[in-house]
Each structure stands twice: as C-alpha cells, then as structure tokens.
Amino acid sequence: MRPGRILALCCACWLSACASSGSQQLEGVDEPAVKRVLQRGGGRQEVLAAFGEPQDRIKFANERELWVYSYIQYRAQLQNFTDLAPLIGAQNRFDKELVLLFDPGGKVLQWRLSTREEVRGTGLLNQPLPDER
C-alpha cells in the first residue's frame, strides 16, 4: 500500500473517532471569554451573537429567564485502534455547560460555566463486575 493511502486511512480513522453534540460555539469558550461577552453589555443580544440559540430556555413567573447551553464531545483513545480494542477500549468524554440567568430587562444577573472530563471504559475488561448476591 502506498504511503499516501496509509495516511488517508489514518486520517479517516482519526476523524471517525470523534463525535460531539450540542452548541459548537461553546467548544472553545472559557470563563474569560464569557466575561468579555458580558462586559459588552451583558444582554440577550450579546449572548445570542456570541453563543447562538440556547438548547433550553426556562421562563419564570417573575419574568426572569434561564438559558442553558451544553456541549459534549467524545474522543476515542489510541488503544481503540489496536486488535485489543474489544477488550481494553476507552473514550474520553468532555462536557461543558453554560447557564445564564436574565433579569426581566434582559441583562445577565448570574452565570455559571462548568466543565468535566472523564475516561469511560468501553472494552469488556473495563466494565464493572455484576453484583454477587
């Protein structure tokens, strides 16, 4: 097999090993980025321009509104590309969530950006043992 085909095959495998869902705009966002958006006015329009439409909007009786953005990404680990993948396969899961609370006038009152990363075993040897009863 020619080196060009091997490289193309490796790139295809690598690209197929990643999956994501949710707000793509949230992928590269950190706390300083959120603060910059809020310093530009801190209203609904600035948030919409920066992050797009939220996945969820909750309206309260006091006319406050909560917006929720989320992003989840899965990445396969290198051992998934070996013959032992069915036994020791694993993937990284990266979660990010941005929650904003707006006052009745449309300004952000409070916000929270949380991230979490974990490794999940997908191989047979990585699974928990069933409870013995």
N, C-alpha and C. Protein backbone atom coordinates (compact mmCIF):
# COMPACT_ATOMS: atom_id res chain seq x y z
N MET A 1 0.84 -1.17 0.00
CA MET A 1 0.00 0.00 0.00
C MET A 1 0.89 1.24 0.00
N ARG A 2 0.51 2.22 -0.79
CA ARG A 2 1.31 3.44 -0.90
C ARG A 2 1.17 4.30 0.37
N PRO A 3 2.21 5.07 0.70
CA PRO A 3 2.18 5.91 1.90
C PRO A 3 1.01 6.90 1.91
N GLY A 4 0.63 7.42 0.76
CA GLY A 4 -0.48 8.36 0.69
C GLY A 4 -1.79 7.73 1.12
N ARG A 5 -1.99 6.48 0.72
CA ARG A 5 -3.22 5.77 1.09
C ARG A 5 -3.23 5.44 2.58
N ILE A 6 -2.07 5.11 3.12
CA ILE A 6 -1.98 4.81 4.55
C ILE A 6 -2.30 6.07 5.35
N LEU A 7 -1.76 7.20 4.93
CA LEU A 7 -2.03 8.47 5.61
C LEU A 7 -3.52 8.81 5.53
N ALA A 8 -4.12 8.64 4.37
CA ALA A 8 -5.55 8.92 4.21
C ALA A 8 -6.39 8.01 5.10
N LEU A 9 -6.01 6.73 5.19
CA LEU A 9 -6.73 5.79 6.04
C LEU A 9 -6.60 6.17 7.51
N CYS A 10 -5.40 6.58 7.93
CA CYS A 10 -5.20 7.01 9.32
C CYS A 10 -6.02 8.25 9.64
N CYS A 11 -6.06 9.21 8.71
CA CYS A 11 -6.85 10.43 8.93
C CYS A 11 -8.34 10.10 9.02
N ALA A 12 -8.81 9.20 8.18
CA ALA A 12 -10.22 8.82 8.21
C ALA A 12 -10.57 8.14 9.54
N CYS A 13 -9.69 7.29 10.02
CA CYS A 13 -9.93 6.63 11.31
C CYS A 13 -9.95 7.65 12.44
N TRP A 14 -9.02 8.59 12.42
CA TRP A 14 -8.95 9.59 13.48
C TRP A 14 -10.20 10.47 13.49
N LEU A 15 -10.64 10.90 12.31
CA LEU A 15 -11.82 11.74 12.23
C LEU A 15 -13.08 11.00 12.64
N SER A 16 -13.14 9.73 12.34
CA SER A 16 -14.34 8.96 12.71
C SER A 16 -14.35 8.63 14.19
N ALA A 17 -13.26 8.86 14.87
CA ALA A 17 -13.16 8.53 16.29
C ALA A 17 -13.70 9.64 17.19
N CYS A 18 -14.07 10.78 16.63
CA CYS A 18 -14.58 11.89 17.42
C CYS A 18 -16.06 12.10 17.13
N ALA A 19 -16.80 12.43 18.15
CA ALA A 19 -18.22 12.76 17.99
C ALA A 19 -18.56 13.85 18.99
N SER A 20 -19.45 14.74 18.59
CA SER A 20 -19.86 15.80 19.50
C SER A 20 -21.33 16.12 19.28
N SER A 21 -21.91 16.74 20.30
CA SER A 21 -23.29 17.20 20.20
C SER A 21 -23.45 18.47 21.02
N GLY A 22 -24.49 19.22 20.71
CA GLY A 22 -24.74 20.45 21.44
C GLY A 22 -24.25 21.66 20.70
N SER A 23 -24.02 22.72 21.43
CA SER A 23 -23.63 24.01 20.87
C SER A 23 -22.15 24.01 20.50
N GLN A 24 -21.86 24.00 19.21
CA GLN A 24 -20.48 24.01 18.75
C GLN A 24 -19.76 25.30 19.15
N GLN A 25 -20.50 26.41 19.30
CA GLN A 25 -19.88 27.68 19.70
C GLN A 25 -19.30 27.59 21.10
N LEU A 26 -19.78 26.68 21.90
CA LEU A 26 -19.32 26.55 23.28
C LEU A 26 -18.01 25.78 23.40
N GLU A 27 -17.60 25.11 22.33
CA GLU A 27 -16.42 24.24 22.39
C GLU A 27 -15.18 24.96 22.92
N GLY A 28 -14.85 26.12 22.40
CA GLY A 28 -13.63 26.82 22.80
C GLY A 28 -13.83 27.90 23.85
N VAL A 29 -15.00 27.95 24.47
CA VAL A 29 -15.31 29.02 25.41
C VAL A 29 -14.75 28.70 26.80
N ASP A 30 -14.14 29.72 27.42
CA ASP A 30 -13.70 29.60 28.81
C ASP A 30 -14.27 30.79 29.59
N GLU A 31 -13.98 30.87 30.89
CA GLU A 31 -14.55 31.93 31.72
C GLU A 31 -14.16 33.33 31.24
N PRO A 32 -12.91 33.61 30.86
CA PRO A 32 -12.60 34.95 30.36
C PRO A 32 -13.41 35.32 29.10
N ALA A 33 -13.69 34.35 28.25
CA ALA A 33 -14.48 34.63 27.05
C ALA A 33 -15.91 35.01 27.42
N VAL A 34 -16.49 34.32 28.40
CA VAL A 34 -17.85 34.66 28.85
C VAL A 34 -17.84 36.06 29.45
N LYS A 35 -16.85 36.37 30.26
CA LYS A 35 -16.77 37.70 30.88
C LYS A 35 -16.66 38.80 29.83
N ARG A 36 -15.90 38.56 28.76
CA ARG A 36 -15.78 39.56 27.69
C ARG A 36 -17.13 39.81 27.03
N VAL A 37 -17.88 38.75 26.78
CA VAL A 37 -19.21 38.90 26.18
C VAL A 37 -20.11 39.71 27.09
N LEU A 38 -20.08 39.43 28.38
CA LEU A 38 -20.94 40.12 29.33
C LEU A 38 -20.53 41.57 29.54
N GLN A 39 -19.23 41.88 29.39
CA GLN A 39 -18.76 43.25 29.53
C GLN A 39 -19.20 44.12 28.36
N ARG A 40 -19.54 43.50 27.22
CA ARG A 40 -20.01 44.25 26.06
C ARG A 40 -21.46 44.69 26.19
N GLY A 41 -22.06 44.46 27.32
CA GLY A 41 -23.44 44.86 27.53
C GLY A 41 -24.18 43.85 28.40
N GLY A 42 -23.81 42.61 28.29
CA GLY A 42 -24.38 41.58 29.16
C GLY A 42 -25.85 41.32 28.95
N GLY A 43 -26.34 41.57 27.73
CA GLY A 43 -27.74 41.32 27.47
C GLY A 43 -27.97 40.13 26.56
N ARG A 44 -29.25 39.87 26.30
CA ARG A 44 -29.63 38.73 25.47
C ARG A 44 -29.01 38.81 24.07
N GLN A 45 -28.96 40.02 23.50
CA GLN A 45 -28.43 40.17 22.14
C GLN A 45 -26.94 39.81 22.06
N GLU A 46 -26.18 40.25 23.05
CA GLU A 46 -24.75 39.92 23.06
C GLU A 46 -24.53 38.42 23.22
N VAL A 47 -25.34 37.81 24.08
CA VAL A 47 -25.22 36.37 24.31
C VAL A 47 -25.61 35.60 23.05
N LEU A 48 -26.70 36.00 22.41
CA LEU A 48 -27.12 35.35 21.16
C LEU A 48 -26.06 35.49 20.08
N ALA A 49 -25.46 36.67 19.97
CA ALA A 49 -24.42 36.89 18.95
C ALA A 49 -23.20 36.01 19.20
N ALA A 50 -22.86 35.82 20.47
CA ALA A 50 -21.65 35.06 20.80
C ALA A 50 -21.88 33.54 20.79
N PHE A 51 -23.01 33.09 21.29
CA PHE A 51 -23.21 31.65 21.51
C PHE A 51 -24.35 31.05 20.71
N GLY A 52 -25.13 31.87 20.01
CA GLY A 52 -26.25 31.34 19.23
C GLY A 52 -27.44 31.04 20.12
N GLU A 53 -28.38 30.29 19.57
CA GLU A 53 -29.59 29.93 20.31
C GLU A 53 -29.26 28.90 21.41
N PRO A 54 -29.82 29.08 22.60
CA PRO A 54 -29.58 28.09 23.67
C PRO A 54 -30.34 26.79 23.40
N GLN A 55 -29.88 25.71 24.00
CA GLN A 55 -30.58 24.44 23.89
C GLN A 55 -31.87 24.45 24.69
N ASP A 56 -31.90 25.25 25.75
CA ASP A 56 -33.08 25.27 26.61
C ASP A 56 -33.29 26.68 27.15
N ARG A 57 -34.55 27.09 27.20
CA ARG A 57 -34.94 28.37 27.80
C ARG A 57 -36.04 28.08 28.82
N ILE A 58 -35.86 28.61 30.01
CA ILE A 58 -36.86 28.43 31.07
C ILE A 58 -37.31 29.81 31.51
N LYS A 59 -38.62 30.06 31.40
CA LYS A 59 -39.18 31.36 31.81
C LYS A 59 -39.86 31.18 33.16
N PHE A 60 -39.56 32.11 34.07
CA PHE A 60 -40.13 32.07 35.41
C PHE A 60 -41.27 33.07 35.51
N ALA A 61 -42.11 32.90 36.54
CA ALA A 61 -43.27 33.78 36.74
C ALA A 61 -42.85 35.23 37.00
N ASN A 62 -41.67 35.44 37.57
CA ASN A 62 -41.20 36.80 37.86
C ASN A 62 -40.54 37.45 36.65
N GLU A 63 -40.73 36.87 35.46
CA GLU A 63 -40.22 37.35 34.19
C GLU A 63 -38.71 37.20 34.03
N ARG A 64 -38.08 36.51 34.91
CA ARG A 64 -36.68 36.15 34.71
C ARG A 64 -36.63 34.97 33.75
N GLU A 65 -35.46 34.79 33.13
CA GLU A 65 -35.32 33.72 32.15
C GLU A 65 -33.96 33.06 32.31
N LEU A 66 -33.94 31.74 32.20
CA LEU A 66 -32.71 30.95 32.31
C LEU A 66 -32.41 30.35 30.95
N TRP A 67 -31.18 30.54 30.47
CA TRP A 67 -30.74 29.94 29.22
C TRP A 67 -29.67 28.91 29.53
N VAL A 68 -29.74 27.77 28.84
CA VAL A 68 -28.78 26.69 29.05
C VAL A 68 -28.15 26.31 27.71
N TYR A 69 -26.82 26.33 27.69
CA TYR A 69 -26.03 25.87 26.54
C TYR A 69 -25.23 24.66 27.01
N SER A 70 -25.13 23.65 26.17
CA SER A 70 -24.31 22.49 26.55
C SER A 70 -23.56 21.97 25.33
N TYR A 71 -22.44 21.33 25.60
CA TYR A 71 -21.60 20.76 24.55
C TYR A 71 -20.98 19.48 25.11
N ILE A 72 -21.05 18.41 24.34
CA ILE A 72 -20.45 17.13 24.74
C ILE A 72 -19.60 16.63 23.59
N GLN A 73 -18.40 16.18 23.92
CA GLN A 73 -17.51 15.63 22.89
C GLN A 73 -16.93 14.31 23.38
N TYR A 74 -16.91 13.34 22.49
CA TYR A 74 -16.31 12.03 22.76
C TYR A 74 -15.09 11.87 21.85
N ARG A 75 -14.01 11.38 22.44
CA ARG A 75 -12.80 11.10 21.65
C ARG A 75 -12.30 9.71 22.00
N ALA A 76 -12.06 8.94 20.99
CA ALA A 76 -11.53 7.59 21.20
C ALA A 76 -10.07 7.67 21.65
N GLN A 77 -9.68 6.73 22.48
CA GLN A 77 -8.27 6.66 22.88
C GLN A 77 -7.51 5.77 21.90
N LEU A 78 -6.19 5.88 21.93
CA LEU A 78 -5.36 5.19 20.95
C LEU A 78 -5.51 3.67 20.98
N GLN A 79 -5.76 3.09 22.15
CA GLN A 79 -5.87 1.64 22.21
C GLN A 79 -7.08 1.13 21.42
N ASN A 80 -8.01 2.02 21.05
CA ASN A 80 -9.16 1.61 20.25
C ASN A 80 -8.77 1.25 18.83
N PHE A 81 -7.58 1.61 18.41
CA PHE A 81 -7.12 1.33 17.06
C PHE A 81 -6.18 0.13 17.01
N THR A 82 -6.27 -0.73 18.02
CA THR A 82 -5.48 -1.95 18.06
C THR A 82 -6.40 -3.15 18.02
N ASP A 83 -5.81 -4.33 17.92
CA ASP A 83 -6.61 -5.56 17.92
C ASP A 83 -7.24 -5.83 19.28
N LEU A 84 -6.76 -5.17 20.33
CA LEU A 84 -7.28 -5.40 21.68
C LEU A 84 -8.44 -4.46 22.04
N ALA A 85 -8.89 -3.65 21.09
CA ALA A 85 -9.95 -2.67 21.37
C ALA A 85 -11.20 -3.28 22.00
N PRO A 86 -11.66 -4.45 21.55
CA PRO A 86 -12.86 -5.01 22.20
C PRO A 86 -12.66 -5.32 23.69
N LEU A 87 -11.41 -5.52 24.09
CA LEU A 87 -11.12 -5.85 25.49
C LEU A 87 -10.79 -4.62 26.33
N ILE A 88 -9.99 -3.69 25.79
CA ILE A 88 -9.50 -2.57 26.60
C ILE A 88 -9.85 -1.22 26.01
N GLY A 89 -10.84 -1.14 25.15
CA GLY A 89 -11.22 0.12 24.52
C GLY A 89 -11.68 1.15 25.56
N ALA A 90 -11.52 2.43 25.22
CA ALA A 90 -11.95 3.51 26.12
C ALA A 90 -12.14 4.78 25.30
N GLN A 91 -12.85 5.72 25.88
CA GLN A 91 -13.04 7.01 25.23
C GLN A 91 -13.05 8.11 26.29
N ASN A 92 -12.64 9.30 25.86
CA ASN A 92 -12.72 10.48 26.72
C ASN A 92 -14.05 11.16 26.46
N ARG A 93 -14.71 11.57 27.52
CA ARG A 93 -15.95 12.36 27.39
C ARG A 93 -15.68 13.72 28.02
N PHE A 94 -15.94 14.76 27.26
CA PHE A 94 -15.73 16.13 27.72
C PHE A 94 -17.08 16.85 27.66
N ASP A 95 -17.55 17.36 28.80
CA ASP A 95 -18.82 18.08 28.90
C ASP A 95 -18.55 19.53 29.27
N LYS A 96 -19.32 20.42 28.68
CA LYS A 96 -19.25 21.84 29.03
C LYS A 96 -20.68 22.36 29.06
N GLU A 97 -21.01 23.16 30.09
CA GLU A 97 -22.35 23.73 30.21
C GLU A 97 -22.25 25.18 30.65
N LEU A 98 -23.01 26.03 29.96
CA LEU A 98 -23.10 27.44 30.31
C LEU A 98 -24.55 27.73 30.65
N VAL A 99 -24.78 28.27 31.86
CA VAL A 99 -26.13 28.61 32.32
C VAL A 99 -26.14 30.10 32.65
N LEU A 100 -27.12 30.83 32.09
CA LEU A 100 -27.23 32.27 32.31
C LEU A 100 -28.63 32.60 32.81
N LEU A 101 -28.71 33.43 33.84
CA LEU A 101 -29.98 33.90 34.38
C LEU A 101 -30.14 35.38 34.01
N PHE A 102 -31.23 35.70 33.30
CA PHE A 102 -31.51 37.06 32.86
C PHE A 102 -32.58 37.70 33.73
N ASP A 103 -32.44 39.01 33.98
CA ASP A 103 -33.48 39.76 34.68
C ASP A 103 -34.60 40.09 33.69
N PRO A 104 -35.72 40.66 34.16
CA PRO A 104 -36.83 40.98 33.25
C PRO A 104 -36.44 41.92 32.11
N GLY A 105 -35.42 42.75 32.31
CA GLY A 105 -34.96 43.67 31.27
C GLY A 105 -34.01 43.05 30.26
N GLY A 106 -33.60 41.82 30.47
CA GLY A 106 -32.72 41.14 29.52
C GLY A 106 -31.24 41.19 29.84
N LYS A 107 -30.86 41.63 31.02
CA LYS A 107 -29.45 41.65 31.43
C LYS A 107 -29.12 40.41 32.24
N VAL A 108 -27.88 39.94 32.14
CA VAL A 108 -27.45 38.75 32.88
C VAL A 108 -27.28 39.10 34.35
N LEU A 109 -27.99 38.37 35.21
CA LEU A 109 -27.84 38.53 36.66
C LEU A 109 -26.75 37.62 37.20
N GLN A 110 -26.78 36.36 36.78
CA GLN A 110 -25.80 35.37 37.23
C GLN A 110 -25.50 34.43 36.08
N TRP A 111 -24.33 33.81 36.13
CA TRP A 111 -23.98 32.83 35.13
C TRP A 111 -23.01 31.81 35.74
N ARG A 112 -22.95 30.65 35.10
CA ARG A 112 -22.04 29.60 35.54
C ARG A 112 -21.57 28.82 34.32
N LEU A 113 -20.26 28.60 34.23
CA LEU A 113 -19.66 27.77 33.20
C LEU A 113 -19.01 26.59 33.90
N SER A 114 -19.44 25.39 33.57
CA SER A 114 -18.85 24.21 34.20
C SER A 114 -18.32 23.27 33.13
N THR A 115 -17.22 22.62 33.45
CA THR A 115 -16.62 21.64 32.55
C THR A 115 -16.31 20.38 33.33
N ARG A 116 -16.32 19.27 32.61
CA ARG A 116 -15.99 17.98 33.23
C ARG A 116 -15.40 17.09 32.16
N GLU A 117 -14.37 16.36 32.53
CA GLU A 117 -13.76 15.42 31.61
C GLU A 117 -13.56 14.10 32.34
N GLU A 118 -13.89 13.02 31.65
CA GLU A 118 -13.71 11.70 32.26
C GLU A 118 -13.38 10.68 31.18
N VAL A 119 -12.75 9.60 31.61
CA VAL A 119 -12.45 8.49 30.72
C VAL A 119 -13.45 7.39 31.01
N ARG A 120 -14.06 6.91 29.96
CA ARG A 120 -15.04 5.82 30.10
C ARG A 120 -14.53 4.59 29.38
N GLY A 121 -14.50 3.49 30.10
CA GLY A 121 -14.09 2.22 29.51
C GLY A 121 -15.20 1.66 28.64
N THR A 122 -14.85 1.26 27.43
CA THR A 122 -15.82 0.66 26.53
C THR A 122 -15.49 -0.80 26.24
N GLY A 123 -14.32 -1.25 26.65
CA GLY A 123 -13.93 -2.63 26.42
C GLY A 123 -14.51 -3.57 27.46
N LEU A 124 -14.49 -4.85 27.15
CA LEU A 124 -15.05 -5.85 28.06
C LEU A 124 -14.34 -5.87 29.41
N LEU A 125 -13.03 -5.68 29.42
CA LEU A 125 -12.28 -5.71 30.67
C LEU A 125 -12.44 -4.43 31.48
N ASN A 126 -12.99 -3.38 30.88
CA ASN A 126 -13.19 -2.10 31.57
C ASN A 126 -14.55 -1.99 32.23
N GLN A 127 -15.39 -2.98 32.08
CA GLN A 127 -16.75 -2.92 32.62
C GLN A 127 -16.78 -3.36 34.07
N PRO A 128 -17.66 -2.76 34.89
CA PRO A 128 -17.76 -3.18 36.28
C PRO A 128 -18.32 -4.60 36.38
N LEU A 129 -17.89 -5.29 37.40
CA LEU A 129 -18.39 -6.65 37.62
C LEU A 129 -19.82 -6.61 38.14
N PRO A 130 -20.64 -7.57 37.73
CA PRO A 130 -22.01 -7.60 38.28
C PRO A 130 -21.99 -7.92 39.76
N ASP A 131 -22.96 -7.39 40.47
CA ASP A 131 -23.07 -7.65 41.92
C ASP A 131 -23.33 -9.12 42.16
N GLU A 132 -22.62 -9.66 43.13
CA GLU A 132 -22.86 -11.05 43.51
C GLU A 132 -23.84 -11.07 44.66
N ARG A 133 -24.93 -11.81 44.50
CA ARG A 133 -25.95 -11.87 45.55
C ARG A 133 -26.21 -13.28 45.95
